[in-house]
Amino acid sequence: DDITFTHRAEHHFSDPRGIAGGGDAMRAHT
């Protein structure tokens, strides 16, 4: 019990973008 947990991330609401016609990556989810 009683563990302090800190979570910090990006790409939960946007996808890492592809270039030159490539597709975007799957976004994060926790």
PDB file of all heavy atoms in Angstrom:
ATOM      1  N   ASP A   1       0.820  -1.204   0.000  1.00  0.00           N
ATOM      2  CA  ASP A   1       0.000   0.000   0.000  1.00  0.00           C
ATOM      3  C   ASP A   1       0.856   1.257   0.000  1.00  0.00           C
ATOM      4  O   ASP A   1       2.053   1.229   0.309  1.00  0.00           O
ATOM      5  CB  ASP A   1      -0.901   0.021   1.251  1.00  0.00           C
ATOM      6  CG  ASP A   1      -2.003  -1.027   1.195  1.00  0.00           C
ATOM      7  OD1 ASP A   1      -2.307  -1.499   0.085  1.00  0.00           O
ATOM      8  OD2 ASP A   1      -2.538  -1.367   2.272  1.00  0.00           O
ATOM      9  N   ASP A   2       0.192   2.350  -0.357  1.00  0.00           N
ATOM     10  CA  ASP A   2       0.729   3.702  -0.188  1.00  0.00           C
ATOM     11  C   ASP A   2       2.029   3.935  -0.958  1.00  0.00           C
ATOM     12  O   ASP A   2       3.038   4.381  -0.405  1.00  0.00           O
ATOM     13  CB  ASP A   2       0.933   4.001   1.299  1.00  0.00           C
ATOM     14  CG  ASP A   2       0.993   5.498   1.582  1.00  0.00           C
ATOM     15  OD1 ASP A   2       0.528   6.277   0.718  1.00  0.00           O
ATOM     16  OD2 ASP A   2       1.503   5.889   2.645  1.00  0.00           O
ATOM     17  N   ILE A   3       2.002   3.655  -2.258  1.00  0.00           N
ATOM     18  CA  ILE A   3       3.105   3.987  -3.155  1.00  0.00           C
ATOM     19  C   ILE A   3       2.697   5.223  -3.949  1.00  0.00           C
ATOM     20  O   ILE A   3       1.637   5.237  -4.590  1.00  0.00           O
ATOM     21  CB  ILE A   3       3.428   2.825  -4.110  1.00  0.00           C
ATOM     22  CG1 ILE A   3       3.935   1.613  -3.332  1.00  0.00           C
ATOM     23  CG2 ILE A   3       4.453   3.247  -5.166  1.00  0.00           C
ATOM     24  CD1 ILE A   3       4.169   0.377  -4.195  1.00  0.00           C
ATOM     25  N   THR A   4       3.499   6.254  -3.903  1.00  0.00           N
ATOM     26  CA  THR A   4       3.232   7.434  -4.731  1.00  0.00           C
ATOM     27  C   THR A   4       3.698   7.139  -6.155  1.00  0.00           C
ATOM     28  O   THR A   4       4.847   6.745  -6.371  1.00  0.00           O
ATOM     29  CB  THR A   4       3.961   8.669  -4.180  1.00  0.00           C
ATOM     30  OG1 THR A   4       3.498   8.946  -2.864  1.00  0.00           O
ATOM     31  CG2 THR A   4       3.691   9.885  -5.067  1.00  0.00           C
ATOM     32  N   PHE A   5       2.804   7.344  -7.097  1.00  0.00           N
ATOM     33  CA  PHE A   5       3.095   7.039  -8.501  1.00  0.00           C
ATOM     34  C   PHE A   5       2.971   8.307  -9.340  1.00  0.00           C
ATOM     35  O   PHE A   5       1.928   8.972  -9.329  1.00  0.00           O
ATOM     36  CB  PHE A   5       2.126   5.973  -9.019  1.00  0.00           C
ATOM     37  CG  PHE A   5       2.215   5.707 -10.505  1.00  0.00           C
ATOM     38  CD1 PHE A   5       3.411   5.296 -11.084  1.00  0.00           C
ATOM     39  CD2 PHE A   5       1.100   5.876 -11.322  1.00  0.00           C
ATOM     40  CE1 PHE A   5       3.491   5.051 -12.444  1.00  0.00           C
ATOM     41  CE2 PHE A   5       1.174   5.632 -12.681  1.00  0.00           C
ATOM     42  CZ  PHE A   5       2.381   5.225 -13.247  1.00  0.00           C
ATOM     43  N   THR A   6       4.050   8.658 -10.029  1.00  0.00           N
ATOM     44  CA  THR A   6       4.057   9.797 -10.945  1.00  0.00           C
ATOM     45  C   THR A   6       4.144   9.278 -12.373  1.00  0.00           C
ATOM     46  O   THR A   6       4.994   8.437 -12.677  1.00  0.00           O
ATOM     47  CB  THR A   6       5.252  10.724 -10.661  1.00  0.00           C
ATOM     48  OG1 THR A   6       5.194  11.180  -9.314  1.00  0.00           O
ATOM     49  CG2 THR A   6       5.238  11.934 -11.603  1.00  0.00           C
ATOM     50  N   HIS A   7       3.258   9.770 -13.233  1.00  0.00           N
ATOM     51  CA  HIS A   7       3.221   9.350 -14.640  1.00  0.00           C
ATOM     52  C   HIS A   7       3.280  10.599 -15.507  1.00  0.00           C
ATOM     53  O   HIS A   7       2.504  11.534 -15.338  1.00  0.00           O
ATOM     54  CB  HIS A   7       1.924   8.590 -14.926  1.00  0.00           C
ATOM     55  CG  HIS A   7       1.724   8.202 -16.366  1.00  0.00           C
ATOM     56  ND1 HIS A   7       1.274   9.089 -17.326  1.00  0.00           N
ATOM     57  CD2 HIS A   7       1.907   7.015 -16.998  1.00  0.00           C
ATOM     58  CE1 HIS A   7       1.182   8.458 -18.486  1.00  0.00           C
ATOM     59  NE2 HIS A   7       1.552   7.208 -18.328  1.00  0.00           N
ATOM     60  N   ARG A   8       4.246  10.601 -16.437  1.00  0.00           N
ATOM     61  CA  ARG A   8       4.387  11.745 -17.342  1.00  0.00           C
ATOM     62  C   ARG A   8       4.632  11.220 -18.747  1.00  0.00           C
ATOM     63  O   ARG A   8       5.573  10.465 -18.983  1.00  0.00           O
ATOM     64  CB  ARG A   8       5.571  12.603 -16.902  1.00  0.00           C
ATOM     65  CG  ARG A   8       5.708  13.890 -17.685  1.00  0.00           C
ATOM     66  CD  ARG A   8       6.946  14.628 -17.267  1.00  0.00           C
ATOM     67  NE  ARG A   8       8.084  14.324 -18.103  1.00  0.00           N
ATOM     68  CZ  ARG A   8       9.344  14.363 -17.684  1.00  0.00           C
ATOM     69  NH1 ARG A   8       9.626  14.635 -16.433  1.00  0.00           N
ATOM     70  NH2 ARG A   8      10.329  14.101 -18.513  1.00  0.00           N
ATOM     71  N   ALA A   9       3.780  11.626 -19.682  1.00  0.00           N
ATOM     72  CA  ALA A   9       3.909  11.117 -21.047  1.00  0.00           C
ATOM     73  C   ALA A   9       3.313  12.107 -22.032  1.00  0.00           C
ATOM     74  O   ALA A   9       2.682  13.097 -21.655  1.00  0.00           O
ATOM     75  CB  ALA A   9       3.224   9.758 -21.179  1.00  0.00           C
ATOM     76  N   GLU A  10       3.555  11.846 -23.315  1.00  0.00           N
ATOM     77  CA  GLU A  10       2.947  12.610 -24.403  1.00  0.00           C
ATOM     78  C   GLU A  10       2.294  11.631 -25.389  1.00  0.00           C
ATOM     79  O   GLU A  10       2.366  10.417 -25.216  1.00  0.00           O
ATOM     80  CB  GLU A  10       3.991  13.464 -25.121  1.00  0.00           C
ATOM     81  CG  GLU A  10       4.675  14.490 -24.246  1.00  0.00           C
ATOM     82  CD  GLU A  10       3.705  15.460 -23.602  1.00  0.00           C
ATOM     83  OE1 GLU A  10       2.637  15.763 -24.198  1.00  0.00           O
ATOM     84  OE2 GLU A  10       3.996  15.914 -22.481  1.00  0.00           O
ATOM     85  N   HIS A  11       1.669  12.187 -26.402  1.00  0.00           N
ATOM     86  CA  HIS A  11       1.031  11.420 -27.473  1.00  0.00           C
ATOM     87  C   HIS A  11      -0.158  10.599 -26.968  1.00  0.00           C
ATOM     88  O   HIS A  11      -0.505   9.590 -27.573  1.00  0.00           O
ATOM     89  CB  HIS A  11       2.041  10.496 -28.170  1.00  0.00           C
ATOM     90  CG  HIS A  11       3.217  11.216 -28.753  1.00  0.00           C
ATOM     91  ND1 HIS A  11       3.085  12.235 -29.672  1.00  0.00           N
ATOM     92  CD2 HIS A  11       4.552  11.065 -28.538  1.00  0.00           C
ATOM     93  CE1 HIS A  11       4.282  12.677 -30.005  1.00  0.00           C
ATOM     94  NE2 HIS A  11       5.185  11.988 -29.324  1.00  0.00           N
ATOM     95  N   HIS A  12      -0.785  11.036 -25.877  1.00  0.00           N
ATOM     96  CA  HIS A  12      -2.044  10.423 -25.471  1.00  0.00           C
ATOM     97  C   HIS A  12      -3.210  11.011 -26.262  1.00  0.00           C
ATOM     98  O   HIS A  12      -4.267  10.391 -26.348  1.00  0.00           O
ATOM     99  CB  HIS A  12      -2.286  10.633 -23.971  1.00  0.00           C
ATOM    100  CG  HIS A  12      -1.531   9.673 -23.107  1.00  0.00           C
ATOM    101  ND1 HIS A  12      -2.154   8.756 -22.295  1.00  0.00           N
ATOM    102  CD2 HIS A  12      -0.200   9.481 -22.934  1.00  0.00           C
ATOM    103  CE1 HIS A  12      -1.240   8.042 -21.661  1.00  0.00           C
ATOM    104  NE2 HIS A  12      -0.049   8.468 -22.031  1.00  0.00           N
ATOM    105  N   PHE A  13      -3.015  12.181 -26.830  1.00  0.00           N
ATOM    106  CA  PHE A  13      -4.091  12.855 -27.571  1.00  0.00           C
ATOM    107  C   PHE A  13      -3.696  13.189 -29.007  1.00  0.00           C
ATOM    108  O   PHE A  13      -4.467  13.806 -29.737  1.00  0.00           O
ATOM    109  CB  PHE A  13      -4.509  14.132 -26.825  1.00  0.00           C
ATOM    110  CG  PHE A  13      -4.980  13.870 -25.428  1.00  0.00           C
ATOM    111  CD1 PHE A  13      -4.140  14.092 -24.342  1.00  0.00           C
ATOM    112  CD2 PHE A  13      -6.251  13.372 -25.189  1.00  0.00           C
ATOM    113  CE1 PHE A  13      -4.564  13.838 -23.046  1.00  0.00           C
ATOM    114  CE2 PHE A  13      -6.690  13.114 -23.893  1.00  0.00           C
ATOM    115  CZ  PHE A  13      -5.838  13.348 -22.821  1.00  0.00           C
ATOM    116  N   SER A  14      -2.505  12.794 -29.410  1.00  0.00           N
ATOM    117  CA  SER A  14      -2.071  13.008 -30.791  1.00  0.00           C
ATOM    118  C   SER A  14      -1.104  11.902 -31.166  1.00  0.00           C
ATOM    119  O   SER A  14      -0.494  11.280 -30.295  1.00  0.00           O
ATOM    120  CB  SER A  14      -1.394  14.377 -30.950  1.00  0.00           C
ATOM    121  OG  SER A  14      -0.222  14.445 -30.155  1.00  0.00           O
ATOM    122  N   ASP A  15      -0.971  11.656 -32.467  1.00  0.00           N
ATOM    123  CA  ASP A  15      -0.129  10.564 -32.946  1.00  0.00           C
ATOM    124  C   ASP A  15       1.226  11.096 -33.407  1.00  0.00           C
ATOM    125  O   ASP A  15       1.299  12.148 -34.046  1.00  0.00           O
ATOM    126  CB  ASP A  15      -0.795   9.869 -34.143  1.00  0.00           C
ATOM    127  CG  ASP A  15      -2.238   9.479 -33.868  1.00  0.00           C
ATOM    128  OD1 ASP A  15      -2.492   8.968 -32.770  1.00  0.00           O
ATOM    129  OD2 ASP A  15      -3.095   9.684 -34.756  1.00  0.00           O
ATOM    130  N   PRO A  16       2.313  10.367 -33.119  1.00  0.00           N
ATOM    131  CA  PRO A  16       3.593  10.716 -33.744  1.00  0.00           C
ATOM    132  C   PRO A  16       3.465  10.620 -35.264  1.00  0.00           C
ATOM    133  O   PRO A  16       3.053   9.590 -35.791  1.00  0.00           O
ATOM    134  CB  PRO A  16       4.550   9.648 -33.182  1.00  0.00           C
ATOM    135  CG  PRO A  16       3.928   9.210 -31.896  1.00  0.00           C
ATOM    136  CD  PRO A  16       2.448   9.264 -32.154  1.00  0.00           C
ATOM    137  N   ARG A  17       3.814  11.693 -35.948  1.00  0.00           N
ATOM    138  CA  ARG A  17       3.495  11.800 -37.373  1.00  0.00           C
ATOM    139  C   ARG A  17       4.493  11.099 -38.282  1.00  0.00           C
ATOM    140  O   ARG A  17       5.685  11.067 -38.012  1.00  0.00           O
ATOM    141  CB  ARG A  17       3.417  13.278 -37.759  1.00  0.00           C
ATOM    142  CG  ARG A  17       2.150  13.972 -37.275  1.00  0.00           C
ATOM    143  CD  ARG A  17       2.200  15.445 -37.572  1.00  0.00           C
ATOM    144  NE  ARG A  17       3.033  16.161 -36.612  1.00  0.00           N
ATOM    145  CZ  ARG A  17       3.408  17.422 -36.760  1.00  0.00           C
ATOM    146  NH1 ARG A  17       3.060  18.093 -37.837  1.00  0.00           N
ATOM    147  NH2 ARG A  17       4.152  18.005 -35.850  1.00  0.00           N
ATOM    148  N   GLY A  18       3.956  10.576 -39.374  1.00  0.00           N
ATOM    149  CA  GLY A  18       4.789  10.051 -40.442  1.00  0.00           C
ATOM    150  C   GLY A  18       5.180  11.160 -41.401  1.00  0.00           C
ATOM    151  O   GLY A  18       4.657  12.275 -41.339  1.00  0.00           O
ATOM    152  N   ILE A  19       6.104  10.860 -42.307  1.00  0.00           N
ATOM    153  CA  ILE A  19       6.504  11.827 -43.320  1.00  0.00           C
ATOM    154  C   ILE A  19       6.601  11.143 -44.678  1.00  0.00           C
ATOM    155  O   ILE A  19       6.608   9.909 -44.772  1.00  0.00           O
ATOM    156  CB  ILE A  19       7.854  12.509 -42.986  1.00  0.00           C
ATOM    157  CG1 ILE A  19       9.002  11.487 -42.933  1.00  0.00           C
ATOM    158  CG2 ILE A  19       7.765  13.300 -41.701  1.00  0.00           C
ATOM    159  CD1 ILE A  19      10.376  12.132 -42.846  1.00  0.00           C
ATOM    160  N   ALA A  20       6.674  11.956 -45.715  1.00  0.00           N
ATOM    161  CA  ALA A  20       6.833  11.478 -47.095  1.00  0.00           C
ATOM    162  C   ALA A  20       5.739  10.482 -47.471  1.00  0.00           C
ATOM    163  O   ALA A  20       5.965   9.542 -48.228  1.00  0.00           O
ATOM    164  CB  ALA A  20       8.221  10.854 -47.296  1.00  0.00           C
ATOM    165  N   GLY A  21       4.538  10.693 -46.929  1.00  0.00           N
ATOM    166  CA  GLY A  21       3.426   9.800 -47.228  1.00  0.00           C
ATOM    167  C   GLY A  21       3.270   8.660 -46.252  1.00  0.00           C
ATOM    168  O   GLY A  21       2.362   7.825 -46.402  1.00  0.00           O
ATOM    169  N   GLY A  22       4.137   8.580 -45.241  1.00  0.00           N
ATOM    170  CA  GLY A  22       4.035   7.522 -44.245  1.00  0.00           C
ATOM    171  C   GLY A  22       2.928   7.788 -43.247  1.00  0.00           C
ATOM    172  O   GLY A  22       2.494   8.931 -43.043  1.00  0.00           O
ATOM    173  N   GLY A  23       2.434   6.726 -42.613  1.00  0.00           N
ATOM    174  CA  GLY A  23       1.330   6.846 -41.678  1.00  0.00           C
ATOM    175  C   GLY A  23       1.773   7.269 -40.289  1.00  0.00           C
ATOM    176  O   GLY A  23       2.937   7.127 -39.902  1.00  0.00           O
ATOM    177  N   ASP A  24       0.811   7.813 -39.548  1.00  0.00           N
ATOM    178  CA  ASP A  24       1.069   8.182 -38.159  1.00  0.00           C
ATOM    179  C   ASP A  24       1.134   6.928 -37.295  1.00  0.00           C
ATOM    180  O   ASP A  24       0.565   5.883 -37.612  1.00  0.00           O
ATOM    181  CB  ASP A  24      -0.038   9.095 -37.642  1.00  0.00           C
ATOM    182  CG  ASP A  24      -0.065  10.437 -38.349  1.00  0.00           C
ATOM    183  OD1 ASP A  24       0.921  10.773 -39.038  1.00  0.00           O
ATOM    184  OD2 ASP A  24      -1.087  11.141 -38.217  1.00  0.00           O
ATOM    185  N   ALA A  25       1.836   7.039 -36.171  1.00  0.00           N
ATOM    186  CA  ALA A  25       1.963   5.917 -35.236  1.00  0.00           C
ATOM    187  C   ALA A  25       0.753   5.860 -34.309  1.00  0.00           C
ATOM    188  O   ALA A  25      -0.048   6.796 -34.226  1.00  0.00           O
ATOM    189  CB  ALA A  25       3.244   6.059 -34.430  1.00  0.00           C
ATOM    190  N   MET A  26       0.636   4.761 -33.600  1.00  0.00           N
ATOM    191  CA  MET A  26      -0.411   4.602 -32.600  1.00  0.00           C
ATOM    192  C   MET A  26      -0.073   5.435 -31.378  1.00  0.00           C
ATOM    193  O   MET A  26       1.072   5.459 -30.931  1.00  0.00           O
ATOM    194  CB  MET A  26      -0.535   3.121 -32.231  1.00  0.00           C
ATOM    195  CG  MET A  26      -1.713   2.784 -31.345  1.00  0.00           C
ATOM    196  SD  MET A  26      -1.760   0.996 -30.949  1.00  0.00           S
ATOM    197  CE  MET A  26      -2.159   0.316 -32.558  1.00  0.00           C
ATOM    198  N   ARG A  27      -1.065   6.126 -30.838  1.00  0.00           N
ATOM    199  CA  ARG A  27      -0.817   6.994 -29.694  1.00  0.00           C
ATOM    200  C   ARG A  27      -0.693   6.196 -28.395  1.00  0.00           C
ATOM    201  O   ARG A  27      -0.998   4.996 -28.343  1.00  0.00           O
ATOM    202  CB  ARG A  27      -1.903   8.049 -29.567  1.00  0.00           C
ATOM    203  CG  ARG A  27      -3.299   7.520 -29.311  1.00  0.00           C
ATOM    204  CD  ARG A  27      -4.328   8.639 -29.331  1.00  0.00           C
ATOM    205  NE  ARG A  27      -4.344   9.364 -30.599  1.00  0.00           N
ATOM    206  CZ  ARG A  27      -5.201  10.346 -30.880  1.00  0.00           C
ATOM    207  NH1 ARG A  27      -6.115  10.721 -29.992  1.00  0.00           N
ATOM    208  NH2 ARG A  27      -5.152  10.958 -32.043  1.00  0.00           N
ATOM    209  N   ALA A  28      -0.270   6.866 -27.342  1.00  0.00           N
ATOM    210  CA  ALA A  28      -0.063   6.227 -26.044  1.00  0.00           C
ATOM    211  C   ALA A  28      -1.382   5.969 -25.337  1.00  0.00           C
ATOM    212  O   ALA A  28      -2.408   6.603 -25.618  1.00  0.00           O
ATOM    213  CB  ALA A  28       0.832   7.105 -25.171  1.00  0.00           C
ATOM    214  N   HIS A  29      -1.336   5.045 -24.388  1.00  0.00           N
ATOM    215  CA  HIS A  29      -2.523   4.762 -23.588  1.00  0.00           C
ATOM    216  C   HIS A  29      -2.069   4.152 -22.269  1.00  0.00           C
ATOM    217  O   HIS A  29      -1.270   3.217 -22.243  1.00  0.00           O
ATOM    218  CB  HIS A  29      -3.451   3.783 -24.317  1.00  0.00           C
ATOM    219  CG  HIS A  29      -4.818   3.686 -23.701  1.00  0.00           C
ATOM    220  ND1 HIS A  29      -5.634   4.775 -23.488  1.00  0.00           N
ATOM    221  CD2 HIS A  29      -5.509   2.604 -23.237  1.00  0.00           C
ATOM    222  CE1 HIS A  29      -6.774   4.382 -22.939  1.00  0.00           C
ATOM    223  NE2 HIS A  29      -6.726   3.065 -22.777  1.00  0.00           N
ATOM    224  N   THR A  30      -2.562   4.694 -21.161  1.00  0.00           N
ATOM    225  CA  THR A  30      -2.206   4.203 -19.838  1.00  0.00           C
ATOM    226  C   THR A  30      -3.463   3.999 -19.006  1.00  0.00           C
ATOM    227  O   THR A  30      -4.318   4.882 -18.943  1.00  0.00           O
ATOM    228  CB  THR A  30      -1.265   5.185 -19.111  1.00  0.00           C
ATOM    229  OG1 THR A  30      -0.072   5.353 -19.892  1.00  0.00           O
ATOM    230  CG2 THR A  30      -0.886   4.670 -17.732  1.00  0.00           C
TER     231      THR A  30
END
